[in-house]
Amino acid sequence: MVKVVSDFYKIEEAAIYDKTRRKEIVRARQIIMYILREEFNVSYPLIGQKLGGKDHTTVIHSYDKVKNDLKKDSTLAQEVGQLIAMFK
């Protein structure tokens, strides 16, 4: 999952787990959190644990942010759709 998304956005896989707040990495991390919750119904605490020890409230915020952004950003919706299709 992380490898596919990091390859898609052309960022290092290890960066997803880092504490960095670089915009492109944060966005990819948030998308991973969204897909794990939406498509695979993984719990918020488990997602946070697997992605660098993030708190479950961070995961909830990320999920909600992507969900709201999908309504406004057609490019993001296309990207997330492509990523989800890669996992099916």
C-alpha atoms as a PDB file:
ATOM      1  CA  MET A   1       0.000   0.000   0.000  1.00  0.00           C
ATOM      2  CA  VAL A   2       2.629   2.541   1.068  1.00  0.00           C
ATOM      3  CA  LYS A   3       4.958   1.489  -1.762  1.00  0.00           C
ATOM      4  CA  VAL A   4       2.239   1.913  -4.388  1.00  0.00           C
ATOM      5  CA  VAL A   5       1.283   5.391  -3.158  1.00  0.00           C
ATOM      6  CA  SER A   6       4.893   6.526  -2.723  1.00  0.00           C
ATOM      7  CA  ASP A   7       5.719   5.309  -6.249  1.00  0.00           C
ATOM      8  CA  PHE A   8       2.596   7.017  -7.611  1.00  0.00           C
ATOM      9  CA  TYR A   9       3.659  10.367  -6.111  1.00  0.00           C
ATOM     10  CA  LYS A  10       7.374   9.750  -6.750  1.00  0.00           C
ATOM     11  CA  ILE A  11       8.467  10.126  -3.141  1.00  0.00           C
ATOM     12  CA  GLU A  12      10.606   7.862  -0.993  1.00  0.00           C
ATOM     13  CA  GLU A  13       8.643   5.191   0.828  1.00  0.00           C
ATOM     14  CA  ALA A  14      10.586   5.861   4.048  1.00  0.00           C
ATOM     15  CA  ALA A  15       9.445   9.505   4.007  1.00  0.00           C
ATOM     16  CA  ILE A  16       5.854   8.378   4.629  1.00  0.00           C
ATOM     17  CA  TYR A  17       6.895   7.072   8.051  1.00  0.00           C
ATOM     18  CA  ASP A  18       8.995  10.125   8.975  1.00  0.00           C
ATOM     19  CA  LYS A  19       7.774  13.014  11.068  1.00  0.00           C
ATOM     20  CA  THR A  20       8.291  15.423   8.184  1.00  0.00           C
ATOM     21  CA  ARG A  21       5.583  17.933   7.376  1.00  0.00           C
ATOM     22  CA  ARG A  22       6.566  18.558   3.777  1.00  0.00           C
ATOM     23  CA  LYS A  23       3.364  19.188   1.884  1.00  0.00           C
ATOM     24  CA  GLU A  24       3.748  16.480  -0.758  1.00  0.00           C
ATOM     25  CA  ILE A  25       4.598  13.841   1.848  1.00  0.00           C
ATOM     26  CA  VAL A  26       1.793  14.845   4.202  1.00  0.00           C
ATOM     27  CA  ARG A  27      -0.671  14.660   1.307  1.00  0.00           C
ATOM     28  CA  ALA A  28       0.475  11.164   0.296  1.00  0.00           C
ATOM     29  CA  ARG A  29       0.332  10.017   3.933  1.00  0.00           C
ATOM     30  CA  GLN A  30      -3.193  11.395   4.307  1.00  0.00           C
ATOM     31  CA  ILE A  31      -4.302   9.605   1.139  1.00  0.00           C
ATOM     32  CA  ILE A  32      -2.888   6.325   2.465  1.00  0.00           C
ATOM     33  CA  MET A  33      -4.802   6.833   5.709  1.00  0.00           C
ATOM     34  CA  TYR A  34      -7.986   7.588   3.782  1.00  0.00           C
ATOM     35  CA  ILE A  35      -7.711   4.512   1.545  1.00  0.00           C
ATOM     36  CA  LEU A  36      -6.859   2.196   4.450  1.00  0.00           C
ATOM     37  CA  ARG A  37      -9.946   3.374   6.327  1.00  0.00           C
ATOM     38  CA  GLU A  38     -12.368   3.727   3.413  1.00  0.00           C
ATOM     39  CA  GLU A  39     -11.486   0.651   1.366  1.00  0.00           C
ATOM     40  CA  PHE A  40     -10.079  -1.758   3.941  1.00  0.00           C
ATOM     41  CA  ASN A  41     -11.885  -0.605   7.112  1.00  0.00           C
ATOM     42  CA  VAL A  42      -8.652  -0.564   9.138  1.00  0.00           C
ATOM     43  CA  SER A  43      -9.070   0.991  12.597  1.00  0.00           C
ATOM     44  CA  TYR A  44      -7.792   4.526  13.215  1.00  0.00           C
ATOM     45  CA  PRO A  45      -5.342   3.434  15.959  1.00  0.00           C
ATOM     46  CA  LEU A  46      -3.887   0.667  13.767  1.00  0.00           C
ATOM     47  CA  ILE A  47      -3.429   3.036  10.810  1.00  0.00           C
ATOM     48  CA  GLY A  48      -1.634   5.512  13.071  1.00  0.00           C
ATOM     49  CA  GLN A  49       0.552   2.787  14.523  1.00  0.00           C
ATOM     50  CA  LYS A  50       1.550   1.481  11.084  1.00  0.00           C
ATOM     51  CA  LEU A  51       2.339   4.931   9.681  1.00  0.00           C
ATOM     52  CA  GLY A  52       5.027   6.070  12.039  1.00  0.00           C
ATOM     53  CA  GLY A  53       3.231   6.012  15.374  1.00  0.00           C
ATOM     54  CA  LYS A  54       0.689   8.730  14.612  1.00  0.00           C
ATOM     55  CA  ASP A  55      -2.074   9.357  17.127  1.00  0.00           C
ATOM     56  CA  HIS A  56      -5.522   8.092  16.123  1.00  0.00           C
ATOM     57  CA  THR A  57      -6.832  11.675  16.191  1.00  0.00           C
ATOM     58  CA  THR A  58      -4.291  12.577  13.504  1.00  0.00           C
ATOM     59  CA  VAL A  59      -5.613   9.723  11.390  1.00  0.00           C
ATOM     60  CA  ILE A  60      -9.216  10.873  11.900  1.00  0.00           C
ATOM     61  CA  HIS A  61      -8.250  14.412  10.860  1.00  0.00           C
ATOM     62  CA  SER A  62      -6.439  13.109   7.770  1.00  0.00           C
ATOM     63  CA  TYR A  63      -9.357  10.898   6.767  1.00  0.00           C
ATOM     64  CA  ASP A  64     -11.841  13.757   7.157  1.00  0.00           C
ATOM     65  CA  LYS A  65      -9.587  16.177   5.272  1.00  0.00           C
ATOM     66  CA  VAL A  66      -9.186  13.888   2.260  1.00  0.00           C
ATOM     67  CA  LYS A  67     -12.890  13.031   2.284  1.00  0.00           C
ATOM     68  CA  ASN A  68     -13.806  16.740   2.171  1.00  0.00           C
ATOM     69  CA  ASP A  69     -11.110  17.589  -0.391  1.00  0.00           C
ATOM     70  CA  LEU A  70     -12.400  14.847  -2.698  1.00  0.00           C
ATOM     71  CA  LYS A  71     -15.680  16.759  -3.009  1.00  0.00           C
ATOM     72  CA  LYS A  72     -13.888  19.908  -4.187  1.00  0.00           C
ATOM     73  CA  ASP A  73     -10.837  18.640  -6.070  1.00  0.00           C
ATOM     74  CA  SER A  74     -11.519  16.541  -9.172  1.00  0.00           C
ATOM     75  CA  THR A  75      -7.802  15.904  -9.738  1.00  0.00           C
ATOM     76  CA  LEU A  76      -7.484  14.442  -6.255  1.00  0.00           C
ATOM     77  CA  ALA A  77     -10.607  12.353  -6.836  1.00  0.00           C
ATOM     78  CA  GLN A  78      -9.057  10.957 -10.031  1.00  0.00           C
ATOM     79  CA  GLU A  79      -5.771  10.169  -8.279  1.00  0.00           C
ATOM     80  CA  VAL A  80      -7.474   8.426  -5.361  1.00  0.00           C
ATOM     81  CA  GLY A  81      -9.653   6.503  -7.812  1.00  0.00           C
ATOM     82  CA  GLN A  82      -6.578   5.331  -9.707  1.00  0.00           C
ATOM     83  CA  LEU A  83      -4.851   4.288  -6.499  1.00  0.00           C
ATOM     84  CA  ILE A  84      -7.890   2.372  -5.252  1.00  0.00           C
ATOM     85  CA  ALA A  85      -8.129   0.596  -8.615  1.00  0.00           C
ATOM     86  CA  MET A  86      -4.517  -0.589  -8.176  1.00  0.00           C
ATOM     87  CA  PHE A  87      -5.541  -2.474  -5.026  1.00  0.00           C
ATOM     88  CA  LYS A  88      -8.460  -4.354  -6.573  1.00  0.00           C
END
